[in-house]
Amino acid sequence: MQLSLKYNLPFVTIAIVYKGVTLDVPDVLIDTGSGSTILSADAVASVQIIPSPEDTLCTIRGVGGSEVVFTRKVDCLKIGEQSIADFEIEVGGMDYGFEINGILGMDFLTRSRAIINLQEMRIKFAS
């Protein structure tokens, strides 16, 4: 799958399936420095991934500061034909000062056996 370069960073479109409904999420940063995958609350609200009273809120920290998130298990997360079922995402505000709908972290990249080719700006997956 082709990557796009924005803000001099690699981005991809992913798809999530939640309660049987598929949602394409564009402008997701591929970040090997992030341990987990986080999606913008605004980007996933249309499929009813919203905070519920039983959710536990967590604070995550990174180079850009800290943020409060909740976790949700989705039916699957996909890039092209590669998917991981019952995948847990974090959901937060993602106010980082530039347009971004999510961060695809090492949790997905390692489990999917991703191979990122920056010369060709492509991501593929080992079989």
C-alpha atoms as a PDB file:
ATOM      1  CA  MET A   1       0.000   0.000   0.000  1.00  0.00           C
ATOM      2  CA  GLN A   2       1.224   3.459  -0.906  1.00  0.00           C
ATOM      3  CA  LEU A   3       2.118   5.905   1.879  1.00  0.00           C
ATOM      4  CA  SER A   4       1.640   9.628   1.592  1.00  0.00           C
ATOM      5  CA  LEU A   5       4.080  12.185   2.915  1.00  0.00           C
ATOM      6  CA  LYS A   6       2.552  15.032   4.941  1.00  0.00           C
ATOM      7  CA  TYR A   7       4.465  17.335   7.261  1.00  0.00           C
ATOM      8  CA  ASN A   8       7.468  15.243   6.131  1.00  0.00           C
ATOM      9  CA  LEU A   9       5.932  12.204   7.920  1.00  0.00           C
ATOM     10  CA  PRO A  10       4.489   8.907   6.529  1.00  0.00           C
ATOM     11  CA  PHE A  11       0.698   8.620   6.559  1.00  0.00           C
ATOM     12  CA  VAL A  12      -1.705   5.886   5.491  1.00  0.00           C
ATOM     13  CA  THR A  13      -5.453   5.276   5.351  1.00  0.00           C
ATOM     14  CA  ILE A  14      -6.664   2.485   7.624  1.00  0.00           C
ATOM     15  CA  ALA A  15     -10.051   0.835   8.037  1.00  0.00           C
ATOM     16  CA  ILE A  16     -11.616  -0.201  11.299  1.00  0.00           C
ATOM     17  CA  VAL A  17     -14.597  -2.480  11.717  1.00  0.00           C
ATOM     18  CA  TYR A  18     -16.648  -1.861  14.862  1.00  0.00           C
ATOM     19  CA  LYS A  19     -19.843  -3.770  15.595  1.00  0.00           C
ATOM     20  CA  GLY A  20     -19.914  -4.831  11.943  1.00  0.00           C
ATOM     21  CA  VAL A  21     -19.608  -1.295  10.520  1.00  0.00           C
ATOM     22  CA  THR A  22     -16.518  -0.401   8.478  1.00  0.00           C
ATOM     23  CA  LEU A  23     -14.987   3.059   8.661  1.00  0.00           C
ATOM     24  CA  ASP A  24     -12.069   4.314   6.567  1.00  0.00           C
ATOM     25  CA  VAL A  25      -9.794   6.628   8.538  1.00  0.00           C
ATOM     26  CA  PRO A  26      -7.433   8.731   6.413  1.00  0.00           C
ATOM     27  CA  ASP A  27      -4.377  10.651   7.626  1.00  0.00           C
ATOM     28  CA  VAL A  28      -3.081   8.092  10.135  1.00  0.00           C
ATOM     29  CA  LEU A  29       0.594   8.540  10.980  1.00  0.00           C
ATOM     30  CA  ILE A  30       2.830   5.470  10.890  1.00  0.00           C
ATOM     31  CA  ASP A  31       4.891   5.867  14.063  1.00  0.00           C
ATOM     32  CA  THR A  32       7.485   3.278  15.061  1.00  0.00           C
ATOM     33  CA  GLY A  33       8.130   5.366  18.181  1.00  0.00           C
ATOM     34  CA  SER A  34       4.600   4.810  19.484  1.00  0.00           C
ATOM     35  CA  GLY A  35       3.901   1.622  21.394  1.00  0.00           C
ATOM     36  CA  SER A  36       0.165   1.729  20.788  1.00  0.00           C
ATOM     37  CA  THR A  37      -2.364   2.764  18.169  1.00  0.00           C
ATOM     38  CA  ILE A  38      -4.481   5.808  18.951  1.00  0.00           C
ATOM     39  CA  LEU A  39      -7.328   7.257  16.896  1.00  0.00           C
ATOM     40  CA  SER A  40      -8.974  10.647  17.101  1.00  0.00           C
ATOM     41  CA  ALA A  41     -12.291  10.687  18.942  1.00  0.00           C
ATOM     42  CA  ASP A  42     -13.710  12.869  16.154  1.00  0.00           C
ATOM     43  CA  ALA A  43     -12.606  10.380  13.477  1.00  0.00           C
ATOM     44  CA  VAL A  44     -14.337   7.368  15.092  1.00  0.00           C
ATOM     45  CA  ALA A  45     -17.464   8.941  16.608  1.00  0.00           C
ATOM     46  CA  SER A  46     -19.513   8.173  13.480  1.00  0.00           C
ATOM     47  CA  VAL A  47     -19.325   4.428  14.270  1.00  0.00           C
ATOM     48  CA  GLN A  48     -20.319   5.056  17.893  1.00  0.00           C
ATOM     49  CA  ILE A  49     -16.885   4.668  19.416  1.00  0.00           C
ATOM     50  CA  ILE A  50     -17.586   7.117  22.200  1.00  0.00           C
ATOM     51  CA  PRO A  51     -16.771   7.112  25.906  1.00  0.00           C
ATOM     52  CA  SER A  52     -19.110   5.088  28.098  1.00  0.00           C
ATOM     53  CA  PRO A  53     -19.497   5.164  31.896  1.00  0.00           C
ATOM     54  CA  GLU A  54     -17.675   1.849  32.294  1.00  0.00           C
ATOM     55  CA  ASP A  55     -14.584   3.027  30.371  1.00  0.00           C
ATOM     56  CA  THR A  56     -11.385   3.544  32.299  1.00  0.00           C
ATOM     57  CA  LEU A  57      -9.538   6.696  31.365  1.00  0.00           C
ATOM     58  CA  CYS A  58      -5.747   6.537  31.085  1.00  0.00           C
ATOM     59  CA  THR A  59      -3.104   9.177  30.591  1.00  0.00           C
ATOM     60  CA  ILE A  60      -0.564   8.485  27.881  1.00  0.00           C
ATOM     61  CA  ARG A  61       2.671  10.403  27.498  1.00  0.00           C
ATOM     62  CA  GLY A  62       4.899  11.019  24.533  1.00  0.00           C
ATOM     63  CA  VAL A  63       7.225  13.550  23.003  1.00  0.00           C
ATOM     64  CA  GLY A  64       4.253  15.843  22.323  1.00  0.00           C
ATOM     65  CA  GLY A  65       3.051  15.826  25.948  1.00  0.00           C
ATOM     66  CA  SER A  66       0.304  13.887  27.676  1.00  0.00           C
ATOM     67  CA  GLU A  67      -3.268  13.049  26.752  1.00  0.00           C
ATOM     68  CA  VAL A  68      -6.237  11.304  28.360  1.00  0.00           C
ATOM     69  CA  VAL A  69      -7.591   8.353  26.353  1.00  0.00           C
ATOM     70  CA  PHE A  70      -9.981   5.428  26.680  1.00  0.00           C
ATOM     71  CA  THR A  71      -9.509   2.027  25.067  1.00  0.00           C
ATOM     72  CA  ARG A  72     -11.886   0.112  22.842  1.00  0.00           C
ATOM     73  CA  LYS A  73     -11.605  -3.244  21.123  1.00  0.00           C
ATOM     74  CA  VAL A  74     -12.605  -3.097  17.462  1.00  0.00           C
ATOM     75  CA  ASP A  75     -13.667  -6.095  15.362  1.00  0.00           C
ATOM     76  CA  CYS A  76     -10.567  -5.534  13.273  1.00  0.00           C
ATOM     77  CA  LEU A  77      -8.105  -2.944  12.052  1.00  0.00           C
ATOM     78  CA  LYS A  78      -7.008  -3.160   8.400  1.00  0.00           C
ATOM     79  CA  ILE A  79      -4.459  -1.710   6.042  1.00  0.00           C
ATOM     80  CA  GLY A  80      -5.286  -2.879   2.561  1.00  0.00           C
ATOM     81  CA  GLU A  81      -5.766  -6.645   2.789  1.00  0.00           C
ATOM     82  CA  GLN A  82      -3.826  -6.998   6.063  1.00  0.00           C
ATOM     83  CA  SER A  83      -6.022  -7.103   9.165  1.00  0.00           C
ATOM     84  CA  ILE A  84      -5.817  -7.942  12.841  1.00  0.00           C
ATOM     85  CA  ALA A  85      -9.023  -9.097  14.527  1.00  0.00           C
ATOM     86  CA  ASP A  86     -10.117  -8.041  18.012  1.00  0.00           C
ATOM     87  CA  PHE A  87      -7.630  -5.187  18.041  1.00  0.00           C
ATOM     88  CA  GLU A  88      -7.517  -2.733  20.940  1.00  0.00           C
ATOM     89  CA  ILE A  89      -7.183   0.954  20.108  1.00  0.00           C
ATOM     90  CA  GLU A  90      -6.855   4.037  22.261  1.00  0.00           C
ATOM     91  CA  VAL A  91      -9.163   6.963  21.545  1.00  0.00           C
ATOM     92  CA  GLY A  92      -8.361  10.566  22.408  1.00  0.00           C
ATOM     93  CA  GLY A  93      -8.524  14.195  21.340  1.00  0.00           C
ATOM     94  CA  MET A  94      -5.253  14.191  19.374  1.00  0.00           C
ATOM     95  CA  ASP A  95      -4.749  17.947  19.436  1.00  0.00           C
ATOM     96  CA  TYR A  96      -1.155  17.979  18.219  1.00  0.00           C
ATOM     97  CA  GLY A  97      -1.159  21.223  16.255  1.00  0.00           C
ATOM     98  CA  PHE A  98      -1.582  19.629  12.825  1.00  0.00           C
ATOM     99  CA  GLU A  99      -4.266  17.577  11.088  1.00  0.00           C
ATOM    100  CA  ILE A 100      -4.020  13.933  12.077  1.00  0.00           C
ATOM    101  CA  ASN A 101      -6.706  11.279  12.587  1.00  0.00           C
ATOM    102  CA  GLY A 102      -4.552   8.701  14.309  1.00  0.00           C
ATOM    103  CA  ILE A 103      -1.229   7.090  15.023  1.00  0.00           C
ATOM    104  CA  LEU A 104      -0.537   3.544  13.891  1.00  0.00           C
ATOM    105  CA  GLY A 105       1.828   2.238  16.543  1.00  0.00           C
ATOM    106  CA  MET A 106       4.143  -0.695  17.082  1.00  0.00           C
ATOM    107  CA  ASP A 107       1.327  -2.847  18.489  1.00  0.00           C
ATOM    108  CA  PHE A 108      -0.157  -3.133  14.984  1.00  0.00           C
ATOM    109  CA  LEU A 109       3.115  -2.893  13.061  1.00  0.00           C
ATOM    110  CA  THR A 110       4.789  -5.803  14.860  1.00  0.00           C
ATOM    111  CA  ARG A 111       1.730  -8.078  15.006  1.00  0.00           C
ATOM    112  CA  SER A 112       1.057  -7.553  11.302  1.00  0.00           C
ATOM    113  CA  ARG A 113       4.730  -8.048  10.400  1.00  0.00           C
ATOM    114  CA  ALA A 114       4.840  -4.721   8.593  1.00  0.00           C
ATOM    115  CA  ILE A 115       7.695  -3.836   6.284  1.00  0.00           C
ATOM    116  CA  ILE A 116       8.008  -0.089   5.727  1.00  0.00           C
ATOM    117  CA  ASN A 117       9.936   0.920   2.615  1.00  0.00           C
ATOM    118  CA  LEU A 118      10.604   4.649   2.847  1.00  0.00           C
ATOM    119  CA  GLN A 119      12.493   4.797  -0.438  1.00  0.00           C
ATOM    120  CA  GLU A 120       9.370   3.597  -2.285  1.00  0.00           C
ATOM    121  CA  MET A 121       6.967   5.083   0.311  1.00  0.00           C
ATOM    122  CA  ARG A 122       5.131   1.771   0.644  1.00  0.00           C
ATOM    123  CA  ILE A 123       4.057  -0.515   3.461  1.00  0.00           C
ATOM    124  CA  LYS A 124       3.702  -4.240   2.919  1.00  0.00           C
ATOM    125  CA  PHE A 125       3.397  -7.234   5.185  1.00  0.00           C
ATOM    126  CA  ALA A 126       5.488 -10.381   5.500  1.00  0.00           C
ATOM    127  CA  SER A 127       3.565 -13.606   4.944  1.00  0.00           C
END
